[in-house]
């Protein structure tokens, strides 16, 4: 009897011991799968079971990805419609100031034509000794002033992105948009090139327009050039002053185009991470070309068919540069 009680007590005493052993076995810390960094941070190698590998995604880039979509904000600055009187067309601008300026341009053009004809008439009269030298000087001065006024109004309109001569040839039921394109992206813009347009008022619809003209000067402060886009005014639904976003498609000069998520910048230098083998990455310095909304062209540093990191670059940046 005593022996049975002793065994019972012994069993109860040993149960916690075995439980603690089992718990200790279950709480064995995982193996250390920290990535190794070598060659001054250029080479990073992950163990296949490393948690960091779950954060990294790679993608192969080839010539099927060689287009950049360059986007820029825009707004409708004018619409061309048929006159209510049925006599020709009428141009409606987004502001009264531009309306006034365009009217001044038309008046100065008429004045220049008038003074030019008057100058020719007085010259003929002077040669036939019917007009005096004073008459010649007065009409030449008048003609010079008309030229200056015409040049001033035309220059102001061109600075706003308008070509006054072309305004007179635009068909009715057309709207004109102006967009400021960065100087570095001008290679993507050319007269006659098709563009995609999305209006703030109609966010779920995409429309097509044409780059009608590229500005004559670069803004010294913003380093942008004005580009005028023309598109059909479907059912007269687009009004001067409406905001939009336009997209130009550009063929990269190198043919290599990557997402911005692949690029890291350190101390003014730009890098990507190329996967050499599964779990093995190489930091590489690159030279960028024109950039789009979410992609950028690579001029130097990337070959077709290579796999680069498109997600997880911040992790690799920290490991590579010791952040």
C-alpha atoms as a PDB file:
ATOM      1  CA  UNK A   1       0.000   0.000   0.000  1.00  0.00           C
ATOM      2  CA  UNK A   2       2.788   2.367   0.967  1.00  0.00           C
ATOM      3  CA  UNK A   3       4.647   1.452  -2.232  1.00  0.00           C
ATOM      4  CA  UNK A   4       1.673   2.372  -4.436  1.00  0.00           C
ATOM      5  CA  UNK A   5       1.312   5.763  -2.741  1.00  0.00           C
ATOM      6  CA  UNK A   6       5.020   6.405  -3.260  1.00  0.00           C
ATOM      7  CA  UNK A   7       4.781   5.654  -6.992  1.00  0.00           C
ATOM      8  CA  UNK A   8       1.743   7.911  -7.354  1.00  0.00           C
ATOM      9  CA  UNK A   9       3.527  10.811  -5.685  1.00  0.00           C
ATOM     10  CA  UNK A  10       6.626  10.227  -7.837  1.00  0.00           C
ATOM     11  CA  UNK A  11       4.598  10.303 -11.060  1.00  0.00           C
ATOM     12  CA  UNK A  12       2.917  13.569 -10.084  1.00  0.00           C
ATOM     13  CA  UNK A  13       6.299  15.077  -9.332  1.00  0.00           C
ATOM     14  CA  UNK A  14       7.794  14.032 -12.650  1.00  0.00           C
ATOM     15  CA  UNK A  15       4.930  15.350 -14.832  1.00  0.00           C
ATOM     16  CA  UNK A  16       5.973  19.038 -14.512  1.00  0.00           C
ATOM     17  CA  UNK A  17       9.547  18.035 -15.312  1.00  0.00           C
ATOM     18  CA  UNK A  18       8.541  16.337 -18.575  1.00  0.00           C
ATOM     19  CA  UNK A  19       6.216  19.234 -19.461  1.00  0.00           C
ATOM     20  CA  UNK A  20       9.032  21.730 -18.977  1.00  0.00           C
ATOM     21  CA  UNK A  21      11.317  19.643 -21.179  1.00  0.00           C
ATOM     22  CA  UNK A  22       8.697  19.508 -23.919  1.00  0.00           C
ATOM     23  CA  UNK A  23       8.104  23.284 -23.742  1.00  0.00           C
ATOM     24  CA  UNK A  24      11.817  23.942 -23.836  1.00  0.00           C
ATOM     25  CA  UNK A  25      12.077  21.783 -26.942  1.00  0.00           C
ATOM     26  CA  UNK A  26       9.181  23.636 -28.611  1.00  0.00           C
ATOM     27  CA  UNK A  27      10.743  27.050 -27.840  1.00  0.00           C
ATOM     28  CA  UNK A  28      14.043  26.355 -29.515  1.00  0.00           C
ATOM     29  CA  UNK A  29      14.963  29.589 -31.312  1.00  0.00           C
ATOM     30  CA  UNK A  30      14.991  29.418 -35.124  1.00  0.00           C
ATOM     31  CA  UNK A  31      18.220  29.263 -37.040  1.00  0.00           C
ATOM     32  CA  UNK A  32      19.945  32.533 -37.867  1.00  0.00           C
ATOM     33  CA  UNK A  33      19.251  33.160 -41.555  1.00  0.00           C
ATOM     34  CA  UNK A  34      20.707  36.676 -41.732  1.00  0.00           C
ATOM     35  CA  UNK A  35      21.816  37.681 -45.239  1.00  0.00           C
ATOM     36  CA  UNK A  36      25.505  38.057 -45.941  1.00  0.00           C
ATOM     37  CA  UNK A  37      26.881  41.280 -47.382  1.00  0.00           C
ATOM     38  CA  UNK A  38      30.214  41.337 -49.185  1.00  0.00           C
ATOM     39  CA  UNK A  39      32.329  43.299 -51.686  1.00  0.00           C
ATOM     40  CA  UNK A  40      31.719  46.588 -49.824  1.00  0.00           C
ATOM     41  CA  UNK A  41      27.967  46.127 -49.958  1.00  0.00           C
ATOM     42  CA  UNK A  42      27.777  45.324 -53.663  1.00  0.00           C
ATOM     43  CA  UNK A  43      26.863  41.666 -53.182  1.00  0.00           C
ATOM     44  CA  UNK A  44      24.008  40.490 -50.935  1.00  0.00           C
ATOM     45  CA  UNK A  45      23.141  36.821 -50.479  1.00  0.00           C
ATOM     46  CA  UNK A  46      20.051  35.441 -48.750  1.00  0.00           C
ATOM     47  CA  UNK A  47      19.508  31.944 -47.375  1.00  0.00           C
ATOM     48  CA  UNK A  48      16.546  30.297 -49.174  1.00  0.00           C
ATOM     49  CA  UNK A  49      14.601  30.195 -45.885  1.00  0.00           C
ATOM     50  CA  UNK A  50      15.409  33.781 -44.921  1.00  0.00           C
ATOM     51  CA  UNK A  51      12.314  35.859 -44.005  1.00  0.00           C
ATOM     52  CA  UNK A  52      13.751  38.723 -46.054  1.00  0.00           C
ATOM     53  CA  UNK A  53      13.204  36.801 -49.273  1.00  0.00           C
ATOM     54  CA  UNK A  54       9.455  37.124 -48.754  1.00  0.00           C
ATOM     55  CA  UNK A  55       9.772  40.915 -49.139  1.00  0.00           C
ATOM     56  CA  UNK A  56      11.659  40.781 -52.415  1.00  0.00           C
ATOM     57  CA  UNK A  57      10.135  40.501 -55.875  1.00  0.00           C
ATOM     58  CA  UNK A  58      12.061  40.502 -59.139  1.00  0.00           C
ATOM     59  CA  UNK A  59      11.066  40.982 -62.749  1.00  0.00           C
ATOM     60  CA  UNK A  60      12.795  40.468 -66.081  1.00  0.00           C
ATOM     61  CA  UNK A  61      12.891  43.412 -68.472  1.00  0.00           C
ATOM     62  CA  UNK A  62      13.120  43.134 -72.221  1.00  0.00           C
ATOM     63  CA  UNK A  63      12.190  45.079 -75.324  1.00  0.00           C
ATOM     64  CA  UNK A  64       8.472  44.628 -74.720  1.00  0.00           C
ATOM     65  CA  UNK A  65       8.764  47.196 -71.921  1.00  0.00           C
ATOM     66  CA  UNK A  66      10.440  49.969 -73.885  1.00  0.00           C
ATOM     67  CA  UNK A  67       7.735  52.644 -73.680  1.00  0.00           C
ATOM     68  CA  UNK A  68       7.397  55.322 -71.037  1.00  0.00           C
ATOM     69  CA  UNK A  69       4.134  57.075 -70.345  1.00  0.00           C
ATOM     70  CA  UNK A  70       4.981  60.701 -69.586  1.00  0.00           C
ATOM     71  CA  UNK A  71       2.143  62.512 -67.871  1.00  0.00           C
ATOM     72  CA  UNK A  72       1.507  66.144 -67.063  1.00  0.00           C
ATOM     73  CA  UNK A  73      -1.405  68.241 -65.812  1.00  0.00           C
ATOM     74  CA  UNK A  74      -3.328  70.265 -68.370  1.00  0.00           C
ATOM     75  CA  UNK A  75      -6.357  72.472 -68.701  1.00  0.00           C
ATOM     76  CA  UNK A  76      -8.658  73.611 -71.475  1.00  0.00           C
ATOM     77  CA  UNK A  77      -7.709  77.152 -72.388  1.00  0.00           C
ATOM     78  CA  UNK A  78      -9.989  77.659 -75.382  1.00  0.00           C
ATOM     79  CA  UNK A  79     -12.778  76.126 -77.382  1.00  0.00           C
ATOM     80  CA  UNK A  80     -13.629  76.780 -81.013  1.00  0.00           C
ATOM     81  CA  UNK A  81     -17.298  76.755 -81.897  1.00  0.00           C
ATOM     82  CA  UNK A  82     -19.535  77.836 -84.726  1.00  0.00           C
ATOM     83  CA  UNK A  83     -20.775  81.386 -84.439  1.00  0.00           C
ATOM     84  CA  UNK A  84     -24.414  81.717 -83.448  1.00  0.00           C
ATOM     85  CA  UNK A  85     -24.872  84.061 -86.395  1.00  0.00           C
ATOM     86  CA  UNK A  86     -23.692  81.306 -88.722  1.00  0.00           C
ATOM     87  CA  UNK A  87     -20.804  83.450 -89.946  1.00  0.00           C
ATOM     88  CA  UNK A  88     -17.643  81.462 -89.381  1.00  0.00           C
ATOM     89  CA  UNK A  89     -16.227  80.411 -86.030  1.00  0.00           C
ATOM     90  CA  UNK A  90     -15.760  81.929 -82.623  1.00  0.00           C
ATOM     91  CA  UNK A  91     -12.911  81.259 -80.172  1.00  0.00           C
ATOM     92  CA  UNK A  92     -13.851  81.203 -76.479  1.00  0.00           C
ATOM     93  CA  UNK A  93     -10.908  81.502 -74.066  1.00  0.00           C
ATOM     94  CA  UNK A  94     -10.711  80.514 -70.410  1.00  0.00           C
ATOM     95  CA  UNK A  95     -10.247  84.106 -69.264  1.00  0.00           C
ATOM     96  CA  UNK A  96     -11.417  87.559 -70.305  1.00  0.00           C
ATOM     97  CA  UNK A  97      -7.801  88.766 -70.423  1.00  0.00           C
ATOM     98  CA  UNK A  98      -6.910  86.287 -73.173  1.00  0.00           C
ATOM     99  CA  UNK A  99     -10.086  87.205 -75.046  1.00  0.00           C
ATOM    100  CA  UNK A 100      -9.005  90.845 -74.904  1.00  0.00           C
ATOM    101  CA  UNK A 101      -5.465  89.992 -75.994  1.00  0.00           C
ATOM    102  CA  UNK A 102      -6.703  87.977 -78.971  1.00  0.00           C
ATOM    103  CA  UNK A 103      -8.981  90.837 -79.998  1.00  0.00           C
ATOM    104  CA  UNK A 104      -5.985  93.204 -79.782  1.00  0.00           C
ATOM    105  CA  UNK A 105      -4.012  90.807 -81.961  1.00  0.00           C
ATOM    106  CA  UNK A 106      -6.733  90.825 -84.642  1.00  0.00           C
ATOM    107  CA  UNK A 107      -6.946  94.631 -84.481  1.00  0.00           C
ATOM    108  CA  UNK A 108      -3.168  95.042 -84.726  1.00  0.00           C
ATOM    109  CA  UNK A 109      -3.055  92.636 -87.671  1.00  0.00           C
ATOM    110  CA  UNK A 110      -5.704  94.684 -89.477  1.00  0.00           C
ATOM    111  CA  UNK A 111      -3.861  97.892 -88.639  1.00  0.00           C
ATOM    112  CA  UNK A 112      -0.619  96.465 -89.993  1.00  0.00           C
ATOM    113  CA  UNK A 113      -2.299  95.446 -93.245  1.00  0.00           C
ATOM    114  CA  UNK A 114      -3.853  98.903 -93.579  1.00  0.00           C
ATOM    115  CA  UNK A 115      -0.624 100.829 -92.926  1.00  0.00           C
ATOM    116  CA  UNK A 116       1.293  98.486 -95.258  1.00  0.00           C
ATOM    117  CA  UNK A 117      -1.065  99.333 -98.127  1.00  0.00           C
ATOM    118  CA  UNK A 118      -0.948 103.015 -97.208  1.00  0.00           C
ATOM    119  CA  UNK A 119       2.864 102.932 -97.207  1.00  0.00           C
ATOM    120  CA  UNK A 120       2.921 101.428-100.673  1.00  0.00           C
ATOM    121  CA  UNK A 121       0.453 104.074-101.895  1.00  0.00           C
ATOM    122  CA  UNK A 122       2.504 106.956-100.516  1.00  0.00           C
ATOM    123  CA  UNK A 123       5.691 105.489-102.003  1.00  0.00           C
ATOM    124  CA  UNK A 124       4.083 105.444-105.441  1.00  0.00           C
ATOM    125  CA  UNK A 125       2.880 109.030-104.970  1.00  0.00           C
ATOM    126  CA  UNK A 126       6.304 110.146-103.764  1.00  0.00           C
ATOM    127  CA  UNK A 127       8.003 108.614-106.791  1.00  0.00           C
ATOM    128  CA  UNK A 128       5.564 110.535-108.997  1.00  0.00           C
ATOM    129  CA  UNK A 129       6.249 113.718-106.984  1.00  0.00           C
ATOM    130  CA  UNK A 130       2.688 113.858-105.718  1.00  0.00           C
ATOM    131  CA  UNK A 131       3.530 113.198-102.041  1.00  0.00           C
ATOM    132  CA  UNK A 132       6.208 114.984-100.004  1.00  0.00           C
ATOM    133  CA  UNK A 133       9.124 113.592 -97.998  1.00  0.00           C
ATOM    134  CA  UNK A 134       7.227 114.529 -94.842  1.00  0.00           C
ATOM    135  CA  UNK A 135       4.336 112.307 -95.982  1.00  0.00           C
ATOM    136  CA  UNK A 136       6.780 109.436 -96.509  1.00  0.00           C
ATOM    137  CA  UNK A 137       8.334 109.814 -93.056  1.00  0.00           C
ATOM    138  CA  UNK A 138       4.935 109.936 -91.351  1.00  0.00           C
ATOM    139  CA  UNK A 139       3.591 106.844 -93.073  1.00  0.00           C
ATOM    140  CA  UNK A 140       6.829 104.906 -92.461  1.00  0.00           C
ATOM    141  CA  UNK A 141       6.593 105.771 -88.746  1.00  0.00           C
ATOM    142  CA  UNK A 142       2.978 104.696 -88.704  1.00  0.00           C
ATOM    143  CA  UNK A 143       3.893 101.412 -90.372  1.00  0.00           C
ATOM    144  CA  UNK A 144       6.734 100.780 -87.874  1.00  0.00           C
ATOM    145  CA  UNK A 145       4.440 101.371 -84.912  1.00  0.00           C
ATOM    146  CA  UNK A 146       1.866  98.974 -86.388  1.00  0.00           C
ATOM    147  CA  UNK A 147       4.580  96.330 -86.803  1.00  0.00           C
ATOM    148  CA  UNK A 148       5.702  96.736 -83.184  1.00  0.00           C
ATOM    149  CA  UNK A 149       2.162  96.474 -81.824  1.00  0.00           C
ATOM    150  CA  UNK A 150       1.451  93.408 -83.941  1.00  0.00           C
ATOM    151  CA  UNK A 151       4.686  91.714 -82.828  1.00  0.00           C
ATOM    152  CA  UNK A 152       3.924  92.462 -79.167  1.00  0.00           C
ATOM    153  CA  UNK A 153       0.441  90.936 -79.188  1.00  0.00           C
ATOM    154  CA  UNK A 154       1.588  87.917 -81.218  1.00  0.00           C
ATOM    155  CA  UNK A 155       4.505  87.350 -78.816  1.00  0.00           C
ATOM    156  CA  UNK A 156       2.208  87.431 -75.777  1.00  0.00           C
ATOM    157  CA  UNK A 157      -0.125  84.862 -77.331  1.00  0.00           C
ATOM    158  CA  UNK A 158       2.784  82.593 -78.274  1.00  0.00           C
ATOM    159  CA  UNK A 159       4.142  82.781 -74.717  1.00  0.00           C
ATOM    160  CA  UNK A 160       0.774  81.452 -73.548  1.00  0.00           C
ATOM    161  CA  UNK A 161       1.017  78.518 -75.947  1.00  0.00           C
ATOM    162  CA  UNK A 162      -1.091  79.914 -78.805  1.00  0.00           C
ATOM    163  CA  UNK A 163      -0.116  80.250 -82.434  1.00  0.00           C
ATOM    164  CA  UNK A 164      -2.403  83.062 -83.604  1.00  0.00           C
ATOM    165  CA  UNK A 165      -2.150  82.030 -87.256  1.00  0.00           C
ATOM    166  CA  UNK A 166      -3.191  78.459 -86.478  1.00  0.00           C
ATOM    167  CA  UNK A 167      -6.085  79.663 -84.333  1.00  0.00           C
ATOM    168  CA  UNK A 168      -7.684  80.933 -87.508  1.00  0.00           C
ATOM    169  CA  UNK A 169      -7.521  77.496 -89.136  1.00  0.00           C
ATOM    170  CA  UNK A 170      -8.814  75.280 -86.301  1.00  0.00           C
ATOM    171  CA  UNK A 171     -12.087  73.550 -87.086  1.00  0.00           C
ATOM    172  CA  UNK A 172     -15.238  74.194 -85.083  1.00  0.00           C
ATOM    173  CA  UNK A 173     -16.169  71.854 -82.205  1.00  0.00           C
ATOM    174  CA  UNK A 174     -12.565  71.655 -81.017  1.00  0.00           C
ATOM    175  CA  UNK A 175     -11.043  72.333 -77.599  1.00  0.00           C
ATOM    176  CA  UNK A 176      -7.451  73.366 -76.951  1.00  0.00           C
ATOM    177  CA  UNK A 177      -5.523  72.254 -73.875  1.00  0.00           C
ATOM    178  CA  UNK A 178      -2.236  73.617 -72.561  1.00  0.00           C
ATOM    179  CA  UNK A 179       0.253  71.548 -70.586  1.00  0.00           C
ATOM    180  CA  UNK A 180       3.668  72.452 -69.184  1.00  0.00           C
ATOM    181  CA  UNK A 181       6.130  69.697 -70.116  1.00  0.00           C
ATOM    182  CA  UNK A 182       9.514  69.508 -68.328  1.00  0.00           C
ATOM    183  CA  UNK A 183      12.412  70.446 -70.553  1.00  0.00           C
ATOM    184  CA  UNK A 184      13.976  67.006 -70.122  1.00  0.00           C
ATOM    185  CA  UNK A 185      10.861  65.272 -71.499  1.00  0.00           C
ATOM    186  CA  UNK A 186      10.593  67.219 -74.740  1.00  0.00           C
ATOM    187  CA  UNK A 187      11.879  64.199 -76.636  1.00  0.00           C
ATOM    188  CA  UNK A 188       8.502  62.544 -76.040  1.00  0.00           C
ATOM    189  CA  UNK A 189       6.575  65.439 -77.553  1.00  0.00           C
ATOM    190  CA  UNK A 190       6.213  66.177 -81.239  1.00  0.00           C
ATOM    191  CA  UNK A 191       3.643  68.022 -83.317  1.00  0.00           C
ATOM    192  CA  UNK A 192       1.001  65.620 -84.606  1.00  0.00           C
ATOM    193  CA  UNK A 193       1.652  62.990 -81.942  1.00  0.00           C
ATOM    194  CA  UNK A 194      -1.364  61.267 -80.394  1.00  0.00           C
ATOM    195  CA  UNK A 195      -1.933  61.720 -76.648  1.00  0.00           C
ATOM    196  CA  UNK A 196      -4.302  60.279 -74.045  1.00  0.00           C
ATOM    197  CA  UNK A 197      -6.436  62.655 -71.984  1.00  0.00           C
ATOM    198  CA  UNK A 198      -8.306  62.076 -68.722  1.00  0.00           C
ATOM    199  CA  UNK A 199     -10.474  64.921 -67.402  1.00  0.00           C
ATOM    200  CA  UNK A 200     -11.068  65.576 -63.720  1.00  0.00           C
ATOM    201  CA  UNK A 201     -14.772  65.869 -64.517  1.00  0.00           C
ATOM    202  CA  UNK A 202     -14.796  62.465 -66.250  1.00  0.00           C
ATOM    203  CA  UNK A 203     -12.197  60.348 -64.382  1.00  0.00           C
ATOM    204  CA  UNK A 204     -13.421  57.014 -65.728  1.00  0.00           C
ATOM    205  CA  UNK A 205     -13.102  57.955 -69.401  1.00  0.00           C
ATOM    206  CA  UNK A 206     -10.057  58.304 -71.640  1.00  0.00           C
ATOM    207  CA  UNK A 207     -10.059  60.560 -74.666  1.00  0.00           C
ATOM    208  CA  UNK A 208      -7.605  60.976 -77.513  1.00  0.00           C
ATOM    209  CA  UNK A 209      -6.086  64.230 -78.692  1.00  0.00           C
ATOM    210  CA  UNK A 210      -3.223  65.448 -80.859  1.00  0.00           C
ATOM    211  CA  UNK A 211      -0.227  67.564 -79.925  1.00  0.00           C
ATOM    212  CA  UNK A 212      -0.995  70.571 -82.108  1.00  0.00           C
ATOM    213  CA  UNK A 213       2.027  72.720 -81.263  1.00  0.00           C
ATOM    214  CA  UNK A 214       5.099  72.920 -79.041  1.00  0.00           C
ATOM    215  CA  UNK A 215       6.035  76.242 -77.426  1.00  0.00           C
ATOM    216  CA  UNK A 216       8.833  78.404 -78.766  1.00  0.00           C
ATOM    217  CA  UNK A 217      10.588  79.051 -75.452  1.00  0.00           C
ATOM    218  CA  UNK A 218      11.541  77.399 -72.147  1.00  0.00           C
ATOM    219  CA  UNK A 219      10.253  79.051 -68.980  1.00  0.00           C
ATOM    220  CA  UNK A 220      13.416  80.192 -67.139  1.00  0.00           C
ATOM    221  CA  UNK A 221      11.897  79.534 -63.707  1.00  0.00           C
ATOM    222  CA  UNK A 222      10.055  76.227 -64.132  1.00  0.00           C
ATOM    223  CA  UNK A 223      12.208  74.887 -67.003  1.00  0.00           C
ATOM    224  CA  UNK A 224       9.058  73.764 -68.806  1.00  0.00           C
ATOM    225  CA  UNK A 225       7.730  74.195 -72.336  1.00  0.00           C
ATOM    226  CA  UNK A 226       4.090  74.749 -73.164  1.00  0.00           C
ATOM    227  CA  UNK A 227       2.484  72.122 -75.386  1.00  0.00           C
ATOM    228  CA  UNK A 228      -0.897  72.733 -76.972  1.00  0.00           C
ATOM    229  CA  UNK A 229      -3.177  69.735 -77.494  1.00  0.00           C
ATOM    230  CA  UNK A 230      -6.280  69.735 -79.674  1.00  0.00           C
ATOM    231  CA  UNK A 231      -9.187  67.338 -79.372  1.00  0.00           C
ATOM    232  CA  UNK A 232     -12.734  67.056 -80.615  1.00  0.00           C
ATOM    233  CA  UNK A 233     -15.338  68.558 -78.317  1.00  0.00           C
ATOM    234  CA  UNK A 234     -17.684  65.582 -78.033  1.00  0.00           C
ATOM    235  CA  UNK A 235     -21.283  66.841 -77.690  1.00  0.00           C
ATOM    236  CA  UNK A 236     -19.891  70.178 -76.452  1.00  0.00           C
ATOM    237  CA  UNK A 237     -19.231  68.600 -73.026  1.00  0.00           C
ATOM    238  CA  UNK A 238     -15.789  70.178 -72.514  1.00  0.00           C
ATOM    239  CA  UNK A 239     -15.544  73.784 -71.339  1.00  0.00           C
ATOM    240  CA  UNK A 240     -12.660  76.266 -71.092  1.00  0.00           C
ATOM    241  CA  UNK A 241     -11.044  76.064 -67.660  1.00  0.00           C
ATOM    242  CA  UNK A 242     -11.584  72.306 -67.158  1.00  0.00           C
ATOM    243  CA  UNK A 243      -8.611  70.413 -65.707  1.00  0.00           C
ATOM    244  CA  UNK A 244      -7.193  67.249 -67.216  1.00  0.00           C
ATOM    245  CA  UNK A 245      -4.168  64.945 -67.254  1.00  0.00           C
ATOM    246  CA  UNK A 246      -2.425  64.134 -70.513  1.00  0.00           C
ATOM    247  CA  UNK A 247      -0.087  61.241 -71.284  1.00  0.00           C
ATOM    248  CA  UNK A 248       2.561  61.043 -73.980  1.00  0.00           C
ATOM    249  CA  UNK A 249       4.098  57.696 -74.875  1.00  0.00           C
ATOM    250  CA  UNK A 250       7.832  57.851 -75.429  1.00  0.00           C
ATOM    251  CA  UNK A 251      10.145  55.191 -76.788  1.00  0.00           C
ATOM    252  CA  UNK A 252      13.146  54.998 -74.469  1.00  0.00           C
ATOM    253  CA  UNK A 253      16.465  55.791 -76.137  1.00  0.00           C
ATOM    254  CA  UNK A 254      17.995  52.685 -74.568  1.00  0.00           C
ATOM    255  CA  UNK A 255      14.890  50.509 -74.735  1.00  0.00           C
ATOM    256  CA  UNK A 256      15.170  49.637 -71.033  1.00  0.00           C
ATOM    257  CA  UNK A 257      12.321  50.901 -68.867  1.00  0.00           C
ATOM    258  CA  UNK A 258      11.904  50.089 -65.169  1.00  0.00           C
ATOM    259  CA  UNK A 259       9.465  51.105 -62.424  1.00  0.00           C
ATOM    260  CA  UNK A 260      10.460  53.790 -59.936  1.00  0.00           C
ATOM    261  CA  UNK A 261      10.146  51.192 -57.164  1.00  0.00           C
ATOM    262  CA  UNK A 262      13.339  49.563 -58.484  1.00  0.00           C
ATOM    263  CA  UNK A 263      15.471  52.689 -58.107  1.00  0.00           C
ATOM    264  CA  UNK A 264      17.321  53.911 -55.018  1.00  0.00           C
ATOM    265  CA  UNK A 265      19.348  57.096 -54.737  1.00  0.00           C
ATOM    266  CA  UNK A 266      22.277  57.593 -52.376  1.00  0.00           C
ATOM    267  CA  UNK A 267      24.403  60.756 -52.302  1.00  0.00           C
ATOM    268  CA  UNK A 268      23.311  61.777 -55.781  1.00  0.00           C
ATOM    269  CA  UNK A 269      24.014  58.390 -57.365  1.00  0.00           C
ATOM    270  CA  UNK A 270      21.294  56.048 -58.665  1.00  0.00           C
ATOM    271  CA  UNK A 271      21.313  52.275 -58.158  1.00  0.00           C
ATOM    272  CA  UNK A 272      19.292  49.156 -58.843  1.00  0.00           C
ATOM    273  CA  UNK A 273      19.663  45.604 -57.527  1.00  0.00           C
ATOM    274  CA  UNK A 274      20.112  42.845 -60.102  1.00  0.00           C
ATOM    275  CA  UNK A 275      19.409  39.207 -59.229  1.00  0.00           C
ATOM    276  CA  UNK A 276      22.373  37.139 -60.435  1.00  0.00           C
ATOM    277  CA  UNK A 277      21.093  33.824 -58.993  1.00  0.00           C
ATOM    278  CA  UNK A 278      18.114  32.989 -56.775  1.00  0.00           C
ATOM    279  CA  UNK A 279      18.739  34.800 -53.487  1.00  0.00           C
ATOM    280  CA  UNK A 280      21.910  36.500 -54.776  1.00  0.00           C
ATOM    281  CA  UNK A 281      21.728  40.215 -55.598  1.00  0.00           C
ATOM    282  CA  UNK A 282      24.187  42.714 -56.992  1.00  0.00           C
ATOM    283  CA  UNK A 283      24.041  46.470 -56.464  1.00  0.00           C
ATOM    284  CA  UNK A 284      24.621  48.326 -59.713  1.00  0.00           C
ATOM    285  CA  UNK A 285      24.920  52.022 -60.510  1.00  0.00           C
ATOM    286  CA  UNK A 286      22.837  53.183 -63.487  1.00  0.00           C
ATOM    287  CA  UNK A 287      22.228  56.303 -65.564  1.00  0.00           C
ATOM    288  CA  UNK A 288      18.588  57.318 -65.957  1.00  0.00           C
ATOM    289  CA  UNK A 289      16.891  58.820 -68.998  1.00  0.00           C
ATOM    290  CA  UNK A 290      13.453  60.402 -69.281  1.00  0.00           C
ATOM    291  CA  UNK A 291      10.949  59.598 -66.574  1.00  0.00           C
ATOM    292  CA  UNK A 292       7.225  59.001 -66.760  1.00  0.00           C
ATOM    293  CA  UNK A 293       4.426  58.739 -64.244  1.00  0.00           C
ATOM    294  CA  UNK A 294       5.593  55.488 -62.655  1.00  0.00           C
ATOM    295  CA  UNK A 295       8.454  54.372 -64.898  1.00  0.00           C
ATOM    296  CA  UNK A 296      11.859  55.642 -65.933  1.00  0.00           C
ATOM    297  CA  UNK A 297      14.193  54.872 -68.808  1.00  0.00           C
ATOM    298  CA  UNK A 298      17.678  53.500 -68.211  1.00  0.00           C
ATOM    299  CA  UNK A 299      20.426  54.794 -70.496  1.00  0.00           C
ATOM    300  CA  UNK A 300      23.293  52.810 -68.996  1.00  0.00           C
ATOM    301  CA  UNK A 301      23.706  49.952 -66.521  1.00  0.00           C
ATOM    302  CA  UNK A 302      20.983  47.446 -67.456  1.00  0.00           C
ATOM    303  CA  UNK A 303      20.959  44.762 -70.115  1.00  0.00           C
ATOM    304  CA  UNK A 304      17.904  43.174 -71.717  1.00  0.00           C
ATOM    305  CA  UNK A 305      16.882  39.916 -70.076  1.00  0.00           C
ATOM    306  CA  UNK A 306      18.312  40.752 -66.654  1.00  0.00           C
ATOM    307  CA  UNK A 307      16.167  40.337 -63.539  1.00  0.00           C
ATOM    308  CA  UNK A 308      15.981  43.325 -61.228  1.00  0.00           C
ATOM    309  CA  UNK A 309      14.305  43.885 -57.885  1.00  0.00           C
ATOM    310  CA  UNK A 310      10.951  45.689 -58.194  1.00  0.00           C
ATOM    311  CA  UNK A 311       9.834  45.263 -54.583  1.00  0.00           C
ATOM    312  CA  UNK A 312      11.969  45.148 -51.460  1.00  0.00           C
ATOM    313  CA  UNK A 313      14.591  47.621 -52.677  1.00  0.00           C
ATOM    314  CA  UNK A 314      14.563  49.516 -49.365  1.00  0.00           C
ATOM    315  CA  UNK A 315      15.574  46.326 -47.531  1.00  0.00           C
ATOM    316  CA  UNK A 316      18.471  45.780 -49.942  1.00  0.00           C
ATOM    317  CA  UNK A 317      19.426  49.461 -49.742  1.00  0.00           C
ATOM    318  CA  UNK A 318      19.706  49.236 -45.953  1.00  0.00           C
ATOM    319  CA  UNK A 319      21.837  46.113 -46.157  1.00  0.00           C
ATOM    320  CA  UNK A 320      24.019  47.396 -48.987  1.00  0.00           C
ATOM    321  CA  UNK A 321      24.793  50.803 -47.517  1.00  0.00           C
ATOM    322  CA  UNK A 322      24.627  49.821 -43.848  1.00  0.00           C
ATOM    323  CA  UNK A 323      21.577  51.899 -42.935  1.00  0.00           C
END
